[in-house]
Protein backbone atom coordinates (compact mmCIF):
# COMPACT_ATOMS: atom_id res chain seq x y z
CA MET A 1 -31.92 -166.91 36.99
CA LYS A 2 -33.81 -168.21 33.95
CA ARG A 3 -36.92 -165.87 34.58
CA ASN A 4 -34.30 -162.88 34.46
CA PHE A 5 -32.45 -164.57 31.67
CA ARG A 6 -35.63 -164.58 29.45
CA ILE A 7 -36.68 -160.83 30.83
CA VAL A 8 -33.36 -159.57 29.59
CA ALA A 9 -33.59 -161.37 26.25
CA THR A 10 -36.73 -159.95 25.68
CA VAL A 11 -35.53 -156.71 26.51
CA LEU A 12 -32.84 -156.91 23.98
CA CYS A 13 -35.03 -157.91 21.26
CA VAL A 14 -37.32 -155.25 21.82
CA ALA A 15 -34.53 -152.82 21.72
CA LEU A 16 -32.93 -154.57 18.29
CA ILE A 17 -36.13 -154.16 16.64
CA VAL A 18 -36.60 -150.57 17.61
CA ALA A 19 -33.17 -149.66 16.22
CA LEU A 20 -33.60 -151.38 13.04
CA THR A 21 -36.86 -149.61 12.43
CA VAL A 22 -34.99 -146.52 13.25
CA SER A 23 -32.08 -147.32 10.58
CA LEU A 24 -34.76 -148.55 8.16
CA ALA A 25 -36.84 -145.37 8.68
CA ALA A 26 -33.33 -142.86 8.44
CA CYS A 27 -32.30 -145.07 5.03
CA GLN A 28 -35.82 -144.42 3.62
CA GLN A 29 -35.90 -140.47 4.50
CA GLU A 30 -32.14 -140.24 3.23
CA LYS A 31 -33.06 -142.08 0.23
CA GLU A 32 -35.99 -139.42 -0.53
CA THR A 33 -34.16 -136.56 0.52
CA VAL A 34 -31.33 -137.85 -2.17
CA LYS A 35 -34.31 -138.28 -4.71
CA GLY A 36 -35.52 -134.87 -4.23
CA ASP A 37 -32.16 -133.35 -4.30
CA GLU A 38 -31.48 -135.21 -7.75
CA TYR A 39 -34.87 -134.10 -9.34
CA THR A 40 -34.25 -132.66 -13.32
CA MET A 41 -36.03 -131.22 -15.89
CA VAL A 42 -35.46 -131.25 -19.88
CA VAL A 43 -37.00 -128.82 -21.99
CA PRO A 44 -36.53 -128.55 -25.82
CA ASP A 45 -34.63 -125.51 -27.89
CA GLY A 46 -36.81 -122.84 -29.31
CA ALA A 47 -40.26 -121.45 -27.95
CA PRO A 48 -41.02 -123.93 -25.33
CA ALA A 49 -37.62 -122.94 -23.49
CA LEU A 50 -39.16 -119.80 -22.76
CA ALA A 51 -41.48 -121.20 -20.25
CA ALA A 52 -38.90 -122.32 -18.29
CA VAL A 53 -36.64 -119.22 -18.01
CA ASN A 54 -37.42 -118.02 -14.84
CA LEU A 55 -36.27 -121.78 -13.15
CA ILE A 56 -33.27 -121.83 -15.14
CA ASP A 57 -32.36 -118.14 -13.70
CA GLU A 58 -33.58 -119.40 -10.34
CA ILE A 59 -30.97 -122.32 -10.54
CA ASP A 60 -28.18 -120.30 -12.16
CA LYS A 61 -28.36 -117.87 -8.99
CA ASN A 62 -29.02 -119.95 -6.44
CA GLY A 63 -28.20 -123.39 -7.44
CA SER A 64 -31.34 -125.13 -7.09
CA PHE A 65 -35.20 -124.09 -7.16
CA ASP A 66 -36.03 -126.22 -4.02
CA ALA A 67 -35.50 -130.03 -5.23
CA LEU A 68 -35.31 -128.94 -8.75
CA LYS A 69 -31.35 -128.98 -9.11
CA LYS A 70 -31.10 -128.65 -12.85
CA VAL A 71 -32.98 -127.72 -15.97
CA GLU A 72 -31.21 -128.95 -19.25
CA ILE A 73 -32.14 -127.66 -22.87
CA VAL A 74 -31.65 -130.10 -25.43
CA GLN A 75 -32.22 -130.04 -29.18
CA SER A 76 -35.79 -130.38 -30.09
CA SER A 77 -35.07 -133.58 -31.81
CA ALA A 78 -33.81 -135.27 -28.83
CA ILE A 79 -36.84 -134.25 -26.58
CA SER A 80 -38.69 -137.78 -26.83
CA THR A 81 -35.80 -139.85 -25.81
CA ARG A 82 -34.73 -136.92 -23.00
CA ALA A 83 -38.14 -136.74 -21.64
CA LEU A 84 -37.93 -140.12 -20.07
CA GLU A 85 -34.42 -139.62 -18.58
CA ALA A 86 -35.47 -136.68 -16.19
CA ASP A 87 -38.27 -135.94 -13.62
CA PHE A 88 -39.89 -133.26 -15.33
CA ALA A 89 -40.00 -132.39 -19.19
CA ILE A 90 -41.72 -130.01 -21.41
CA VAL A 91 -42.76 -131.77 -24.49
CA PRO A 92 -44.70 -131.27 -27.45
CA ALA A 93 -48.69 -131.55 -26.60
CA ASN A 94 -49.21 -134.63 -28.66
CA LEU A 95 -45.92 -136.13 -27.20
CA ALA A 96 -47.52 -136.48 -24.01
CA ALA A 97 -50.02 -138.40 -25.25
CA ASN A 98 -48.31 -140.88 -27.22
CA LEU A 99 -45.91 -141.44 -24.29
CA TYR A 100 -48.78 -142.46 -22.34
CA ASN A 101 -50.22 -144.58 -24.49
CA LYS A 102 -47.34 -146.28 -25.36
CA GLY A 103 -47.11 -147.35 -21.46
CA GLN A 104 -44.90 -144.69 -19.89
CA ASP A 105 -46.17 -144.01 -16.11
CA ILE A 106 -46.17 -139.70 -16.75
CA LYS A 107 -48.73 -137.39 -15.25
CA LEU A 108 -49.44 -133.93 -17.59
CA LEU A 109 -49.33 -131.56 -15.06
CA ALA A 110 -49.97 -128.13 -17.33
CA THR A 111 -49.96 -126.61 -20.39
CA VAL A 112 -47.15 -124.17 -20.51
CA THR A 113 -47.45 -122.68 -24.34
CA GLN A 114 -50.68 -121.66 -25.78
CA GLY A 115 -49.90 -121.15 -29.24
CA ASN A 116 -47.10 -118.87 -31.33
CA LEU A 117 -48.27 -119.39 -34.82
CA TYR A 118 -48.64 -117.13 -37.26
CA VAL A 119 -49.08 -116.97 -41.22
CA LEU A 120 -47.08 -114.23 -42.79
CA GLY A 121 -46.94 -113.10 -46.38
CA ALA A 122 -44.81 -111.14 -49.00
CA ASN A 123 -46.59 -108.90 -51.40
CA SER A 124 -49.65 -110.58 -50.38
CA ASN A 125 -53.41 -109.36 -49.86
CA VAL A 126 -54.86 -112.74 -48.86
CA LYS A 127 -57.51 -112.00 -46.31
CA SER A 128 -59.17 -115.23 -45.58
CA LEU A 129 -57.93 -118.58 -45.34
CA SER A 130 -60.28 -119.37 -48.44
CA ASP A 131 -57.80 -116.85 -50.17
CA LEU A 132 -55.17 -119.57 -49.85
CA VAL A 133 -56.23 -121.74 -52.70
CA GLY A 134 -54.61 -122.13 -55.59
CA LYS A 135 -51.40 -120.87 -53.69
CA ARG A 136 -48.34 -122.56 -52.11
CA VAL A 137 -47.69 -122.24 -48.39
CA PHE A 138 -44.43 -122.94 -47.23
CA SER A 139 -44.75 -124.19 -43.53
CA ILE A 140 -42.66 -125.27 -40.40
CA GLY A 141 -43.25 -128.38 -38.44
CA GLN A 142 -43.95 -130.99 -40.63
CA GLY A 143 -46.38 -133.93 -38.57
CA SER A 144 -46.25 -131.47 -35.50
CA VAL A 145 -48.51 -129.67 -33.47
CA PRO A 146 -48.18 -126.62 -35.88
CA ASP A 147 -49.23 -129.17 -38.81
CA PHE A 148 -52.00 -130.46 -37.69
CA ILE A 149 -53.27 -127.26 -36.58
CA PHE A 150 -53.15 -125.45 -39.98
CA GLN A 151 -54.50 -128.85 -41.44
CA THR A 152 -57.50 -128.91 -39.32
CA LEU A 153 -58.11 -125.26 -40.05
CA LEU A 154 -57.99 -125.75 -43.59
CA THR A 155 -60.27 -128.75 -43.14
CA SER A 156 -62.49 -127.07 -40.93
CA GLU A 157 -63.11 -124.31 -44.06
CA GLY A 158 -63.64 -127.28 -46.56
CA ILE A 159 -60.57 -126.49 -48.42
CA ALA A 160 -58.54 -129.05 -49.90
CA TYR A 161 -54.56 -129.40 -49.49
CA GLU A 162 -51.46 -131.47 -50.28
CA GLN A 163 -48.54 -131.57 -49.88
CA GLY A 164 -45.80 -130.48 -52.96
CA GLU A 165 -43.42 -127.83 -54.39
CA ALA A 166 -45.89 -126.01 -56.65
CA ALA A 167 -49.09 -124.48 -56.88
CA VAL A 168 -52.22 -126.76 -57.77
CA GLU A 169 -55.54 -125.11 -58.93
CA GLY A 170 -58.58 -125.90 -56.24
CA LYS A 171 -56.01 -126.83 -53.51
CA VAL A 172 -53.91 -125.18 -50.68
CA VAL A 173 -50.08 -126.86 -51.05
CA ILE A 174 -48.26 -127.19 -48.26
CA THR A 175 -44.33 -127.03 -48.69
CA TYR A 176 -42.71 -127.84 -45.27
CA VAL A 177 -39.06 -126.57 -44.56
CA ALA A 178 -37.01 -127.21 -41.64
CA ASP A 179 -37.51 -124.06 -39.11
CA GLY A 180 -38.46 -120.79 -39.51
CA SER A 181 -35.64 -119.64 -41.16
CA GLY A 182 -36.70 -121.62 -44.36
CA VAL A 183 -39.97 -120.06 -44.04
CA MET A 184 -38.25 -116.70 -44.06
CA SER A 185 -35.51 -117.31 -46.58
CA GLN A 186 -38.75 -117.89 -49.48
CA LEU A 187 -40.43 -114.69 -47.88
CA VAL A 188 -37.05 -112.65 -48.05
CA ALA A 189 -36.31 -114.12 -51.83
CA ALA A 190 -40.20 -113.37 -53.17
CA ASN A 191 -40.26 -110.11 -51.41
CA LYS A 192 -37.07 -108.99 -53.25
CA LYS A 193 -38.27 -110.03 -56.28
CA GLY A 194 -41.87 -108.36 -55.83
CA GLU A 195 -43.43 -111.67 -55.89
CA GLU A 196 -45.65 -113.36 -53.54
CA ALA A 197 -44.74 -115.76 -51.03
CA ILE A 198 -46.75 -117.07 -47.73
CA GLY A 199 -45.70 -119.08 -44.98
CA VAL A 200 -46.67 -120.43 -41.58
CA ILE A 201 -43.94 -119.89 -38.92
CA ALA A 202 -43.73 -119.51 -34.94
CA GLU A 203 -42.73 -116.98 -32.62
CA PRO A 204 -39.94 -115.39 -32.29
CA ALA A 205 -39.15 -115.91 -35.91
CA ALA A 206 -42.65 -114.29 -36.87
CA SER A 207 -41.57 -110.92 -35.20
CA LYS A 208 -38.01 -111.15 -36.92
CA GLY A 209 -40.07 -111.50 -40.22
CA LEU A 210 -42.71 -108.79 -39.51
CA ALA A 211 -39.60 -106.02 -39.02
CA GLN A 212 -38.97 -106.21 -42.64
CA SER A 213 -40.68 -104.05 -45.00
CA GLY A 214 -43.31 -105.74 -47.32
CA ILE A 215 -43.70 -108.75 -45.36
CA THR A 216 -47.17 -108.51 -43.20
CA GLN A 217 -49.12 -110.71 -40.78
CA LEU A 218 -51.91 -112.68 -42.66
CA PHE A 219 -53.38 -114.68 -39.75
CA ASP A 220 -52.97 -114.89 -36.20
CA LEU A 221 -53.56 -119.16 -35.69
CA GLN A 222 -54.45 -118.69 -32.23
CA GLN A 223 -57.05 -116.45 -32.97
CA LEU A 224 -58.43 -118.77 -35.43
CA TRP A 225 -58.26 -121.52 -33.28
CA LYS A 226 -60.21 -119.84 -30.88
CA ASP A 227 -62.78 -118.95 -33.15
CA TYR A 228 -63.38 -122.66 -34.64
CA THR A 229 -63.69 -124.20 -30.94
CA GLY A 230 -65.58 -121.68 -29.33
CA SER A 231 -63.22 -121.73 -26.61
CA GLU A 232 -63.30 -118.82 -24.20
CA THR A 233 -59.19 -118.59 -24.33
CA LEU A 234 -56.84 -117.63 -27.01
CA GLY A 235 -55.01 -120.25 -28.73
CA TYR A 236 -54.60 -124.26 -28.50
CA PRO A 237 -51.93 -126.05 -26.11
CA GLN A 238 -48.79 -126.55 -28.40
CA ALA A 239 -46.23 -127.42 -25.50
CA VAL A 240 -47.07 -129.15 -22.00
CA LEU A 241 -45.35 -129.83 -18.75
CA ILE A 242 -45.17 -133.47 -17.79
CA ALA A 243 -43.94 -135.58 -14.74
CA LYS A 244 -42.83 -139.05 -13.99
CA ALA A 245 -46.18 -140.49 -11.83
CA ASP A 246 -43.75 -141.27 -9.26
CA VAL A 247 -42.69 -138.20 -8.77
CA CYS A 248 -46.29 -136.67 -8.05
CA GLU A 249 -47.23 -139.16 -5.70
CA SER A 250 -43.97 -138.75 -3.23
CA ASN A 251 -43.80 -135.26 -3.56
CA PRO A 252 -47.03 -133.05 -4.20
CA LYS A 253 -45.98 -130.41 -2.04
CA PHE A 254 -42.98 -129.98 -4.62
CA VAL A 255 -44.83 -130.30 -7.52
CA GLU A 256 -47.38 -127.56 -6.33
CA LYS A 257 -44.25 -125.50 -5.61
CA LEU A 258 -43.09 -125.97 -9.18
CA LEU A 259 -46.46 -125.01 -11.02
CA ASP A 260 -46.65 -121.86 -8.87
CA LYS A 261 -43.26 -121.05 -9.98
CA MET A 262 -43.51 -121.43 -13.47
CA ALA A 263 -46.94 -119.82 -13.30
CA GLU A 264 -44.93 -116.55 -12.40
CA ASN A 265 -42.71 -117.17 -15.57
CA ALA A 266 -45.15 -115.51 -18.32
CA THR A 267 -44.81 -111.96 -16.35
CA PHE A 268 -41.05 -112.95 -15.48
CA ILE A 269 -39.95 -113.08 -19.24
CA VAL A 270 -41.71 -109.93 -20.19
CA GLU A 271 -40.49 -107.91 -17.29
CA ASN A 272 -36.76 -108.97 -17.76
CA SER A 273 -37.37 -109.11 -21.54
CA ALA A 274 -33.71 -107.71 -22.22
CA HIS A 275 -31.81 -110.74 -20.07
CA VAL A 276 -34.20 -113.52 -21.54
CA SER A 277 -31.63 -114.39 -24.30
CA ALA A 278 -28.50 -114.48 -21.84
CA ILE A 279 -30.10 -116.34 -19.63
CA LEU A 280 -31.03 -118.97 -22.18
CA VAL A 281 -27.59 -118.76 -23.91
CA LYS A 282 -25.82 -119.51 -20.56
CA ALA A 283 -27.33 -122.54 -19.89
CA TYR A 284 -27.06 -123.60 -23.39
CA PRO A 285 -25.11 -121.92 -25.81
CA GLN A 286 -26.15 -123.76 -28.78
CA THR A 287 -30.06 -121.83 -28.55
CA SER A 288 -31.58 -120.48 -31.46
CA LEU A 289 -32.92 -118.04 -29.04
CA ASN A 290 -29.60 -116.23 -29.49
CA THR A 291 -30.55 -112.81 -30.00
CA ALA A 292 -32.55 -109.96 -28.19
CA LEU A 293 -36.12 -110.71 -27.62
CA SER A 294 -38.39 -107.84 -27.06
CA ALA A 295 -41.41 -107.88 -24.24
CA GLN A 296 -44.09 -107.80 -27.34
CA THR A 297 -42.22 -111.03 -29.19
CA LEU A 298 -42.41 -112.83 -25.78
CA ALA A 299 -45.93 -111.77 -24.84
CA ARG A 300 -46.80 -113.18 -28.57
CA CYS A 301 -45.11 -116.70 -27.54
CA ASN A 302 -47.82 -117.38 -25.25
CA CYS A 303 -45.73 -118.84 -22.63
CA ASN A 304 -48.39 -119.05 -20.06
CA LEU A 305 -48.81 -121.99 -17.69
CA ILE A 306 -52.32 -123.25 -17.28
CA ARG A 307 -52.63 -126.08 -14.96
CA ILE A 308 -54.16 -129.54 -16.76
CA ALA A 309 -57.40 -128.91 -14.55
CA ASP A 310 -58.17 -126.19 -16.42
CA SER A 311 -56.80 -126.76 -19.54
CA LYS A 312 -58.13 -130.52 -19.98
CA GLU A 313 -61.10 -129.38 -22.33
CA ALA A 314 -58.57 -127.67 -24.51
CA TYR A 315 -56.03 -130.53 -24.67
CA ILE A 316 -58.55 -133.08 -25.63
CA ASP A 317 -59.86 -130.66 -28.40
CA MET A 318 -56.30 -130.48 -29.76
CA LEU A 319 -55.92 -134.29 -29.67
CA GLU A 320 -59.27 -134.94 -31.31
CA ALA A 321 -57.92 -132.67 -34.23
CA ILE A 322 -54.72 -134.46 -34.62
CA ASN A 323 -56.37 -137.82 -34.08
CA ALA A 324 -58.59 -137.07 -37.22
CA ILE A 325 -55.57 -136.34 -39.16
CA LYS A 326 -52.75 -139.08 -38.15
CA PRO A 327 -53.42 -141.13 -34.87
CA ALA A 328 -50.01 -142.33 -34.50
CA ALA A 329 -49.04 -139.00 -33.73
CA ILE A 330 -50.84 -139.24 -30.30
CA GLY A 331 -50.19 -143.13 -30.03
CA GLY A 332 -53.27 -144.19 -31.56
CA LYS A 333 -56.35 -143.08 -29.45
CA LEU A 334 -57.28 -140.46 -26.63
CA PRO A 335 -55.47 -140.87 -23.66
CA ASP A 336 -57.59 -142.24 -20.74
CA ASP A 337 -58.11 -139.96 -17.79
CA GLY A 338 -54.72 -141.35 -16.07
CA LEU A 339 -52.94 -139.27 -17.78
CA TYR A 340 -53.88 -136.27 -15.85
CA TYR A 341 -52.17 -134.71 -12.73
CA SER A 342 -54.86 -134.14 -9.97
CA ALA A 343 -53.58 -131.70 -7.25
CA LYS A 344 -53.55 -133.84 -4.05
């Protein structure tokens, strides 16, 4: 009897262990499924949001893109905070380095906007950057990527510059404004008076400006940056896609699907240019991109996804330029290789 009892007890113990193991595995699987079902992405309003249009459209029509349930557009001023709350985020290129250097466990997956800056002029015959000396230039993006790019290009030509409100002999004076509409108001006002005005502005505001008589494009800063760096590709990393490191580790297959999908977006927005604004307005009624955007304008926004494996060198070039001007903007140093995503 004792022997039979021991056998029965042993069988029951084994059965209990198996049941617990299966139960724990099921719980873990359920947890992972729920986590996958709750993937979210945040993107800043403006040109960077264009890099996620096909995702936004997909989710609106089908409720999700695979495990991604939501793409939220937020005010650009809120992106540094909101990026930490989501699984994926599109952020300014320098912010990714800054967050990582401050201890955030993130991975940089790809560059998604390769620069959309142009210098426009009203009644201006400027032909080179050196022709800007002694003039006042209105500019967007104080302390951000557009600002650093413009300053680096001036420095590369040996041109002195300073911030101010009036022209100074021997220097370029930069007057900062809040956004593209601020630059355009200065150009339009000068144009009406037959006076010269110059401004650094991004797409899609640049195309709206060029549609007005008397306002012309003086420089394509993407081309100037290519000439400066000797890069084989046009432009520079202006906005990037980041993700929580644990998401990349736990679900690399989805990360690859997401990158493949976002790589299709550049073609999608050009082919569906008539609907891009409506897609964005439906997702975020307050969007600044609330007017019709032509295929040509969207192409000039350079919303092309390049995986970080293929854009790391260009990204580091851009970080080095920022580090030379304002190290704090990237967290005080160049990030180590732990920032960069490596496909499995």
